[in-house]
Amino acid sequence: MRATARRLGAIQIDSVNVLARAHYLPTFSRYGPYRADALDQLAYEKRELFEYWGHAACFLPLEMYPLLRWRMERQRGAWTLSPARAAFMEAVYQEVADRGPIAAGDLSIAGRSTGPWWGWSPGKLAVEILLAQGKLAIAGRRRFERLYDLTERVIPDRVLNAPPTAEREAKKELFLRAAGAMGVGTARDIAQYFHVDAWWDRRSAGGTVPQSNTQELFEELVGEGRLQVMQVEGWKRPGYVLPRALIP
């Protein structure tokens, strides 16, 4: 399980449950049978993985937490809140502080859901925004339902108190991890592995900000010898690989 998480950089969390929930299958497909509670133990007991937004909701290796602090900071400026909404968010945060770990549905002020699937209640939307901002974290799950708690009670101090990686370097590190997971990809392929500068990162209180020049970061990585350019037959755009990649 550790090897799978390290190799992929992200294990997508998915509620699809035909054979088993989808996030339990990648390790099985690579290594065969394994202890069923291994993933949950690594995430919620040993704290070697944490839940956050990779390309979607994912289990991520804990050492990646500093690489995503810039994304959390972006989310803090991505929402326009009226005074009443800001007060509600603060009240939700305080209730989590007092009662966490807690599910969104257990909040005393959660309100009603607006419909099936993604028709979230006001309380659920609040805890999800606070999660995106890094103010809350996922402490565990109850029959797949997220349990929210204060980040400082979930993420170990040594990681939480480590200096955040500057945004530009963090993006480059994410590209390197994506290139390692994919083997080879175009700049667009690799950038989208963690959805770097996709719509989610570009959301702001005033709308959507323009996409940054990620190609420039790839050129820097090549110049630093951390990525190599290669041609792939049938591709119109160049591919990128890690220097240590094995090419058949």
C-alpha atoms as a PDB file:
ATOM      1  CA  MET A   1       0.000   0.000   0.000  1.00  0.00           C
ATOM      2  CA  ARG A   2       2.839   2.379   0.789  1.00  0.00           C
ATOM      3  CA  ALA A   3       4.495   1.510  -2.517  1.00  0.00           C
ATOM      4  CA  THR A   4       1.277   2.182  -4.435  1.00  0.00           C
ATOM      5  CA  ALA A   5       0.765   5.561  -2.776  1.00  0.00           C
ATOM      6  CA  ARG A   6       4.389   6.521  -3.328  1.00  0.00           C
ATOM      7  CA  ARG A   7       4.377   5.398  -6.968  1.00  0.00           C
ATOM      8  CA  LEU A   8       1.073   7.010  -7.922  1.00  0.00           C
ATOM      9  CA  GLY A   9       1.365  10.095  -5.714  1.00  0.00           C
ATOM     10  CA  ALA A  10      -2.437  10.077  -5.385  1.00  0.00           C
ATOM     11  CA  ILE A  11      -5.066   7.384  -4.867  1.00  0.00           C
ATOM     12  CA  GLN A  12      -8.447   8.731  -5.916  1.00  0.00           C
ATOM     13  CA  ILE A  13     -11.211   8.272  -3.347  1.00  0.00           C
ATOM     14  CA  ASP A  14     -14.396   7.081  -4.979  1.00  0.00           C
ATOM     15  CA  SER A  15     -17.719   5.887  -3.613  1.00  0.00           C
ATOM     16  CA  VAL A  16     -18.262   3.425  -6.493  1.00  0.00           C
ATOM     17  CA  ASN A  17     -18.713   0.119  -4.702  1.00  0.00           C
ATOM     18  CA  VAL A  18     -19.288  -2.790  -7.084  1.00  0.00           C
ATOM     19  CA  LEU A  19     -16.452  -5.113  -6.047  1.00  0.00           C
ATOM     20  CA  ALA A  20     -15.066  -2.771  -3.398  1.00  0.00           C
ATOM     21  CA  ARG A  21     -14.823   0.997  -3.169  1.00  0.00           C
ATOM     22  CA  ALA A  22     -12.637   2.148  -6.011  1.00  0.00           C
ATOM     23  CA  HIS A  23      -9.729   3.433  -3.893  1.00  0.00           C
ATOM     24  CA  TYR A  24      -9.082  -0.061  -2.559  1.00  0.00           C
ATOM     25  CA  LEU A  25      -8.544  -1.522  -6.048  1.00  0.00           C
ATOM     26  CA  PRO A  26      -5.274   0.026  -7.362  1.00  0.00           C
ATOM     27  CA  THR A  27      -3.131  -1.809  -4.808  1.00  0.00           C
ATOM     28  CA  PHE A  28      -5.001  -5.064  -5.402  1.00  0.00           C
ATOM     29  CA  SER A  29      -4.559  -4.749  -9.161  1.00  0.00           C
ATOM     30  CA  ARG A  30      -0.792  -4.335  -8.724  1.00  0.00           C
ATOM     31  CA  TYR A  31       0.031  -6.673  -5.837  1.00  0.00           C
ATOM     32  CA  GLY A  32      -2.933  -8.978  -5.335  1.00  0.00           C
ATOM     33  CA  PRO A  33      -4.630  -9.661  -2.011  1.00  0.00           C
ATOM     34  CA  TYR A  34      -3.668  -7.449   0.918  1.00  0.00           C
ATOM     35  CA  ARG A  35      -5.067  -6.750   4.378  1.00  0.00           C
ATOM     36  CA  ALA A  36      -8.344  -4.924   3.811  1.00  0.00           C
ATOM     37  CA  ASP A  37      -7.814  -2.249   6.465  1.00  0.00           C
ATOM     38  CA  ALA A  38      -4.301  -1.283   5.331  1.00  0.00           C
ATOM     39  CA  LEU A  39      -5.315   1.889   3.485  1.00  0.00           C
ATOM     40  CA  ASP A  40      -7.524   3.153   6.297  1.00  0.00           C
ATOM     41  CA  GLN A  41      -4.798   2.444   8.842  1.00  0.00           C
ATOM     42  CA  LEU A  42      -2.185   4.375   6.871  1.00  0.00           C
ATOM     43  CA  ALA A  43      -4.551   7.340   6.499  1.00  0.00           C
ATOM     44  CA  TYR A  44      -6.399   7.515   9.797  1.00  0.00           C
ATOM     45  CA  GLU A  45      -4.204   5.754  12.368  1.00  0.00           C
ATOM     46  CA  LYS A  46      -0.581   5.995  11.244  1.00  0.00           C
ATOM     47  CA  ARG A  47      -1.201   9.347   9.477  1.00  0.00           C
ATOM     48  CA  GLU A  48       1.131   8.453   6.603  1.00  0.00           C
ATOM     49  CA  LEU A  49      -1.526   9.559   4.082  1.00  0.00           C
ATOM     50  CA  PHE A  50      -3.938  12.473   4.184  1.00  0.00           C
ATOM     51  CA  GLU A  51      -7.080  13.381   2.277  1.00  0.00           C
ATOM     52  CA  TYR A  52      -7.072  16.422   0.042  1.00  0.00           C
ATOM     53  CA  TRP A  53      -7.712  17.544  -3.523  1.00  0.00           C
ATOM     54  CA  GLY A  54      -5.178  16.097  -5.970  1.00  0.00           C
ATOM     55  CA  HIS A  55      -6.886  15.780  -9.359  1.00  0.00           C
ATOM     56  CA  ALA A  56      -9.967  14.878  -7.310  1.00  0.00           C
ATOM     57  CA  ALA A  57     -10.466  13.852  -3.687  1.00  0.00           C
ATOM     58  CA  CYS A  58      -7.415  11.683  -3.045  1.00  0.00           C
ATOM     59  CA  PHE A  59      -5.267   9.956  -0.486  1.00  0.00           C
ATOM     60  CA  LEU A  60      -1.862  11.643  -0.749  1.00  0.00           C
ATOM     61  CA  PRO A  61       1.462  10.790   0.925  1.00  0.00           C
ATOM     62  CA  LEU A  62       1.903  12.982   3.987  1.00  0.00           C
ATOM     63  CA  GLU A  63       5.185  14.450   2.712  1.00  0.00           C
ATOM     64  CA  MET A  64       3.184  16.123  -0.051  1.00  0.00           C
ATOM     65  CA  TYR A  65       1.293  18.332   2.408  1.00  0.00           C
ATOM     66  CA  PRO A  66       3.759  21.269   2.114  1.00  0.00           C
ATOM     67  CA  LEU A  67       3.471  21.030  -1.684  1.00  0.00           C
ATOM     68  CA  LEU A  68      -0.243  21.813  -1.498  1.00  0.00           C
ATOM     69  CA  ARG A  69      -0.229  24.684   0.975  1.00  0.00           C
ATOM     70  CA  TRP A  70      -0.273  27.161  -1.921  1.00  0.00           C
ATOM     71  CA  ARG A  71      -3.505  25.558  -3.132  1.00  0.00           C
ATOM     72  CA  MET A  72      -5.040  25.959   0.318  1.00  0.00           C
ATOM     73  CA  GLU A  73      -3.993  29.609   0.415  1.00  0.00           C
ATOM     74  CA  ARG A  74      -5.563  30.155  -3.013  1.00  0.00           C
ATOM     75  CA  GLN A  75      -8.844  28.770  -1.700  1.00  0.00           C
ATOM     76  CA  ARG A  76      -8.844  31.256   1.165  1.00  0.00           C
ATOM     77  CA  GLY A  77      -9.237  34.034  -1.357  1.00  0.00           C
ATOM     78  CA  ALA A  78     -11.588  32.164  -3.680  1.00  0.00           C
ATOM     79  CA  TRP A  79     -14.884  32.831  -1.926  1.00  0.00           C
ATOM     80  CA  THR A  80     -16.935  36.006  -1.473  1.00  0.00           C
ATOM     81  CA  LEU A  81     -18.730  35.763   1.867  1.00  0.00           C
ATOM     82  CA  SER A  82     -21.408  38.071   3.159  1.00  0.00           C
ATOM     83  CA  PRO A  83     -21.144  39.023   6.853  1.00  0.00           C
ATOM     84  CA  ALA A  84     -23.882  36.505   7.642  1.00  0.00           C
ATOM     85  CA  ARG A  85     -22.134  33.755   5.670  1.00  0.00           C
ATOM     86  CA  ALA A  86     -18.781  34.524   7.272  1.00  0.00           C
ATOM     87  CA  ALA A  87     -20.399  34.320  10.716  1.00  0.00           C
ATOM     88  CA  PHE A  88     -21.968  30.975   9.796  1.00  0.00           C
ATOM     89  CA  MET A  89     -18.592  29.627   8.635  1.00  0.00           C
ATOM     90  CA  GLU A  90     -17.013  30.709  11.908  1.00  0.00           C
ATOM     91  CA  ALA A  91     -19.803  29.036  13.881  1.00  0.00           C
ATOM     92  CA  VAL A  92     -19.295  25.780  11.944  1.00  0.00           C
ATOM     93  CA  TYR A  93     -15.540  25.958  12.537  1.00  0.00           C
ATOM     94  CA  GLN A  94     -16.120  26.513  16.255  1.00  0.00           C
ATOM     95  CA  GLU A  95     -18.510  23.572  16.490  1.00  0.00           C
ATOM     96  CA  VAL A  96     -15.942  21.308  14.826  1.00  0.00           C
ATOM     97  CA  ALA A  97     -13.341  22.625  17.278  1.00  0.00           C
ATOM     98  CA  ASP A  98     -15.660  21.798  20.186  1.00  0.00           C
ATOM     99  CA  ARG A  99     -17.043  18.462  18.954  1.00  0.00           C
ATOM    100  CA  GLY A 100     -14.699  17.066  16.297  1.00  0.00           C
ATOM    101  CA  PRO A 101     -14.130  14.668  14.700  1.00  0.00           C
ATOM    102  CA  ILE A 102     -17.643  15.187  13.401  1.00  0.00           C
ATOM    103  CA  ALA A 103     -19.627  14.463  10.239  1.00  0.00           C
ATOM    104  CA  ALA A 104     -21.283  17.339   8.412  1.00  0.00           C
ATOM    105  CA  GLY A 105     -24.690  15.813   9.076  1.00  0.00           C
ATOM    106  CA  ASP A 106     -24.026  15.866  12.829  1.00  0.00           C
ATOM    107  CA  LEU A 107     -23.564  19.634  12.970  1.00  0.00           C
ATOM    108  CA  SER A 108     -26.290  21.268  15.027  1.00  0.00           C
ATOM    109  CA  ILE A 109     -26.547  24.070  12.444  1.00  0.00           C
ATOM    110  CA  ALA A 110     -26.020  21.984   9.303  1.00  0.00           C
ATOM    111  CA  GLY A 111     -29.342  22.864   7.698  1.00  0.00           C
ATOM    112  CA  ARG A 112     -31.094  20.813   5.064  1.00  0.00           C
ATOM    113  CA  SER A 113     -29.649  19.324   1.904  1.00  0.00           C
ATOM    114  CA  THR A 114     -30.963  20.853  -1.304  1.00  0.00           C
ATOM    115  CA  GLY A 115     -31.242  17.616  -3.270  1.00  0.00           C
ATOM    116  CA  PRO A 116     -29.610  14.215  -3.971  1.00  0.00           C
ATOM    117  CA  TRP A 117     -25.942  13.608  -4.743  1.00  0.00           C
ATOM    118  CA  TRP A 118     -24.165  16.978  -4.573  1.00  0.00           C
ATOM    119  CA  GLY A 119     -27.101  18.921  -3.133  1.00  0.00           C
ATOM    120  CA  TRP A 120     -25.114  19.848  -0.047  1.00  0.00           C
ATOM    121  CA  SER A 121     -26.543  21.412   3.075  1.00  0.00           C
ATOM    122  CA  PRO A 122     -25.109  24.782   4.179  1.00  0.00           C
ATOM    123  CA  GLY A 123     -23.131  22.965   6.872  1.00  0.00           C
ATOM    124  CA  LYS A 124     -21.648  20.495   4.413  1.00  0.00           C
ATOM    125  CA  LEU A 125     -20.633  23.300   2.053  1.00  0.00           C
ATOM    126  CA  ALA A 126     -19.025  25.146   4.969  1.00  0.00           C
ATOM    127  CA  VAL A 127     -16.877  22.217   6.118  1.00  0.00           C
ATOM    128  CA  GLU A 128     -15.849  21.468   2.528  1.00  0.00           C
ATOM    129  CA  ILE A 129     -14.713  25.074   2.025  1.00  0.00           C
ATOM    130  CA  LEU A 130     -12.821  24.948   5.321  1.00  0.00           C
ATOM    131  CA  LEU A 131     -11.220  21.677   4.185  1.00  0.00           C
ATOM    132  CA  ALA A 132     -10.192  23.222   0.874  1.00  0.00           C
ATOM    133  CA  GLN A 133      -8.665  26.146   2.778  1.00  0.00           C
ATOM    134  CA  GLY A 134      -6.647  23.836   4.993  1.00  0.00           C
ATOM    135  CA  LYS A 135      -8.444  24.923   8.169  1.00  0.00           C
ATOM    136  CA  LEU A 136     -10.049  21.513   8.618  1.00  0.00           C
ATOM    137  CA  ALA A 137      -8.803  18.046   7.718  1.00  0.00           C
ATOM    138  CA  ILE A 138     -10.317  14.576   7.447  1.00  0.00           C
ATOM    139  CA  ALA A 139      -9.735  12.645  10.659  1.00  0.00           C
ATOM    140  CA  GLY A 140     -11.470   9.454   9.536  1.00  0.00           C
ATOM    141  CA  ARG A 141     -14.615   8.092   7.969  1.00  0.00           C
ATOM    142  CA  ARG A 142     -17.811   6.535   9.261  1.00  0.00           C
ATOM    143  CA  ARG A 143     -19.242   4.171   6.657  1.00  0.00           C
ATOM    144  CA  PHE A 144     -17.528   6.365   4.029  1.00  0.00           C
ATOM    145  CA  GLU A 145     -18.921   9.601   5.527  1.00  0.00           C
ATOM    146  CA  ARG A 146     -16.146  12.125   6.137  1.00  0.00           C
ATOM    147  CA  LEU A 147     -15.309  13.083   9.724  1.00  0.00           C
ATOM    148  CA  TYR A 148     -13.915  16.615   9.949  1.00  0.00           C
ATOM    149  CA  ASP A 149     -11.571  17.948  12.601  1.00  0.00           C
ATOM    150  CA  LEU A 150      -9.165  20.822  13.124  1.00  0.00           C
ATOM    151  CA  THR A 151      -6.125  20.434  10.899  1.00  0.00           C
ATOM    152  CA  GLU A 152      -3.747  20.680  13.853  1.00  0.00           C
ATOM    153  CA  ARG A 153      -5.423  17.633  15.403  1.00  0.00           C
ATOM    154  CA  VAL A 154      -4.990  15.557  12.233  1.00  0.00           C
ATOM    155  CA  ILE A 155      -1.775  16.580  10.477  1.00  0.00           C
ATOM    156  CA  PRO A 156       1.354  15.835  12.572  1.00  0.00           C
ATOM    157  CA  ASP A 157       3.161  18.897  13.941  1.00  0.00           C
ATOM    158  CA  ARG A 158       6.390  18.113  12.116  1.00  0.00           C
ATOM    159  CA  VAL A 159       4.539  18.439   8.802  1.00  0.00           C
ATOM    160  CA  LEU A 160       2.100  21.177   9.708  1.00  0.00           C
ATOM    161  CA  ASN A 161       4.850  23.399  11.111  1.00  0.00           C
ATOM    162  CA  ALA A 162       7.265  22.780   8.248  1.00  0.00           C
ATOM    163  CA  PRO A 163       7.757  25.819   5.987  1.00  0.00           C
ATOM    164  CA  PRO A 164       5.333  25.655   3.049  1.00  0.00           C
ATOM    165  CA  THR A 165       6.993  25.143  -0.310  1.00  0.00           C
ATOM    166  CA  ALA A 166       6.809  28.288  -2.442  1.00  0.00           C
ATOM    167  CA  GLU A 167       4.079  28.020  -5.085  1.00  0.00           C
ATOM    168  CA  ARG A 168       6.395  27.969  -8.091  1.00  0.00           C
ATOM    169  CA  GLU A 169       8.656  25.257  -6.690  1.00  0.00           C
ATOM    170  CA  ALA A 170       5.680  23.296  -5.337  1.00  0.00           C
ATOM    171  CA  LYS A 171       4.156  23.131  -8.813  1.00  0.00           C
ATOM    172  CA  LYS A 172       7.457  21.909 -10.244  1.00  0.00           C
ATOM    173  CA  GLU A 173       7.666  19.202  -7.583  1.00  0.00           C
ATOM    174  CA  LEU A 174       4.112  18.129  -8.375  1.00  0.00           C
ATOM    175  CA  PHE A 175       5.036  17.907 -12.055  1.00  0.00           C
ATOM    176  CA  LEU A 176       7.994  15.664 -11.200  1.00  0.00           C
ATOM    177  CA  ARG A 177       5.804  13.368  -9.133  1.00  0.00           C
ATOM    178  CA  ALA A 178       3.232  13.257 -11.929  1.00  0.00           C
ATOM    179  CA  ALA A 179       5.895  12.464 -14.519  1.00  0.00           C
ATOM    180  CA  GLY A 180       7.147   9.626 -12.341  1.00  0.00           C
ATOM    181  CA  ALA A 181       3.640   8.217 -11.976  1.00  0.00           C
ATOM    182  CA  MET A 182       2.777   8.522 -15.675  1.00  0.00           C
ATOM    183  CA  GLY A 183       6.130   7.479 -17.118  1.00  0.00           C
ATOM    184  CA  VAL A 184       5.812   9.895 -20.016  1.00  0.00           C
ATOM    185  CA  GLY A 185       3.380  12.676 -20.830  1.00  0.00           C
ATOM    186  CA  THR A 186       3.003  16.006 -22.551  1.00  0.00           C
ATOM    187  CA  ALA A 187       3.201  19.136 -20.408  1.00  0.00           C
ATOM    188  CA  ARG A 188      -0.590  19.292 -20.423  1.00  0.00           C
ATOM    189  CA  ASP A 189      -0.918  15.630 -19.410  1.00  0.00           C
ATOM    190  CA  ILE A 190       1.494  16.021 -16.525  1.00  0.00           C
ATOM    191  CA  ALA A 191       0.049  19.320 -15.285  1.00  0.00           C
ATOM    192  CA  GLN A 192      -3.428  17.792 -15.196  1.00  0.00           C
ATOM    193  CA  TYR A 193      -2.324  14.824 -13.083  1.00  0.00           C
ATOM    194  CA  PHE A 194      -2.762  17.015  -9.998  1.00  0.00           C
ATOM    195  CA  HIS A 195      -4.959  19.566 -11.837  1.00  0.00           C
ATOM    196  CA  VAL A 196      -2.337  22.271 -11.383  1.00  0.00           C
ATOM    197  CA  ASP A 197      -3.797  25.614 -12.450  1.00  0.00           C
ATOM    198  CA  ALA A 198      -7.018  24.000 -13.629  1.00  0.00           C
ATOM    199  CA  TRP A 199     -10.312  25.790 -12.903  1.00  0.00           C
ATOM    200  CA  TRP A 200     -10.204  24.863  -9.211  1.00  0.00           C
ATOM    201  CA  ASP A 201      -6.883  26.643  -8.625  1.00  0.00           C
ATOM    202  CA  ARG A 202      -7.961  29.634 -10.678  1.00  0.00           C
ATOM    203  CA  ARG A 203     -11.203  30.265  -8.826  1.00  0.00           C
ATOM    204  CA  SER A 204     -11.223  33.662  -7.106  1.00  0.00           C
ATOM    205  CA  ALA A 205     -13.742  35.857  -5.359  1.00  0.00           C
ATOM    206  CA  GLY A 206     -13.965  37.909  -8.558  1.00  0.00           C
ATOM    207  CA  GLY A 207     -14.422  34.967 -10.936  1.00  0.00           C
ATOM    208  CA  THR A 208     -11.749  32.872 -12.627  1.00  0.00           C
ATOM    209  CA  VAL A 209      -8.212  34.187 -12.997  1.00  0.00           C
ATOM    210  CA  PRO A 210      -6.226  33.492 -16.199  1.00  0.00           C
ATOM    211  CA  GLN A 211      -4.177  30.316 -16.373  1.00  0.00           C
ATOM    212  CA  SER A 212      -0.489  30.795 -15.596  1.00  0.00           C
ATOM    213  CA  ASN A 213       2.314  29.791 -17.950  1.00  0.00           C
ATOM    214  CA  THR A 214       3.022  26.253 -16.792  1.00  0.00           C
ATOM    215  CA  GLN A 215       5.118  25.585 -19.914  1.00  0.00           C
ATOM    216  CA  GLU A 216       7.701  27.937 -18.462  1.00  0.00           C
ATOM    217  CA  LEU A 217       8.003  25.680 -15.412  1.00  0.00           C
ATOM    218  CA  PHE A 218       8.611  22.648 -17.632  1.00  0.00           C
ATOM    219  CA  GLU A 219      11.361  24.511 -19.447  1.00  0.00           C
ATOM    220  CA  GLU A 220      12.946  25.332 -16.090  1.00  0.00           C
ATOM    221  CA  LEU A 221      12.811  21.688 -15.032  1.00  0.00           C
ATOM    222  CA  VAL A 222      14.499  20.647 -18.267  1.00  0.00           C
ATOM    223  CA  GLY A 223      17.166  23.327 -17.806  1.00  0.00           C
ATOM    224  CA  GLU A 224      17.769  22.107 -14.251  1.00  0.00           C
ATOM    225  CA  GLY A 225      18.179  18.529 -15.474  1.00  0.00           C
ATOM    226  CA  ARG A 226      15.146  17.334 -13.518  1.00  0.00           C
ATOM    227  CA  LEU A 227      13.107  16.471 -16.638  1.00  0.00           C
ATOM    228  CA  GLN A 228      14.103  15.366 -20.117  1.00  0.00           C
ATOM    229  CA  VAL A 229      12.332  16.051 -23.396  1.00  0.00           C
ATOM    230  CA  MET A 230      11.629  13.160 -25.733  1.00  0.00           C
ATOM    231  CA  GLN A 231       9.691  12.551 -28.904  1.00  0.00           C
ATOM    232  CA  VAL A 232       6.919   9.972 -28.939  1.00  0.00           C
ATOM    233  CA  GLU A 233       5.835   8.530 -32.248  1.00  0.00           C
ATOM    234  CA  GLY A 234       2.399   9.846 -33.196  1.00  0.00           C
ATOM    235  CA  TRP A 235       2.452  12.722 -30.698  1.00  0.00           C
ATOM    236  CA  LYS A 236       2.289  16.280 -31.987  1.00  0.00           C
ATOM    237  CA  ARG A 237       3.751  17.694 -28.779  1.00  0.00           C
ATOM    238  CA  PRO A 238       6.963  16.717 -27.004  1.00  0.00           C
ATOM    239  CA  GLY A 239       6.881  14.297 -24.116  1.00  0.00           C
ATOM    240  CA  TYR A 240       8.634  14.661 -20.786  1.00  0.00           C
ATOM    241  CA  VAL A 241      10.229  11.934 -18.655  1.00  0.00           C
ATOM    242  CA  LEU A 242      12.304  11.794 -15.506  1.00  0.00           C
ATOM    243  CA  PRO A 243      16.025  11.415 -16.241  1.00  0.00           C
ATOM    244  CA  ARG A 244      16.046   8.001 -14.534  1.00  0.00           C
ATOM    245  CA  ALA A 245      13.073   6.684 -16.513  1.00  0.00           C
ATOM    246  CA  LEU A 246      13.578   3.326 -18.230  1.00  0.00           C
ATOM    247  CA  ILE A 247      12.668   3.502 -21.916  1.00  0.00           C
ATOM    248  CA  PRO A 248      11.769   0.125 -23.502  1.00  0.00           C
END
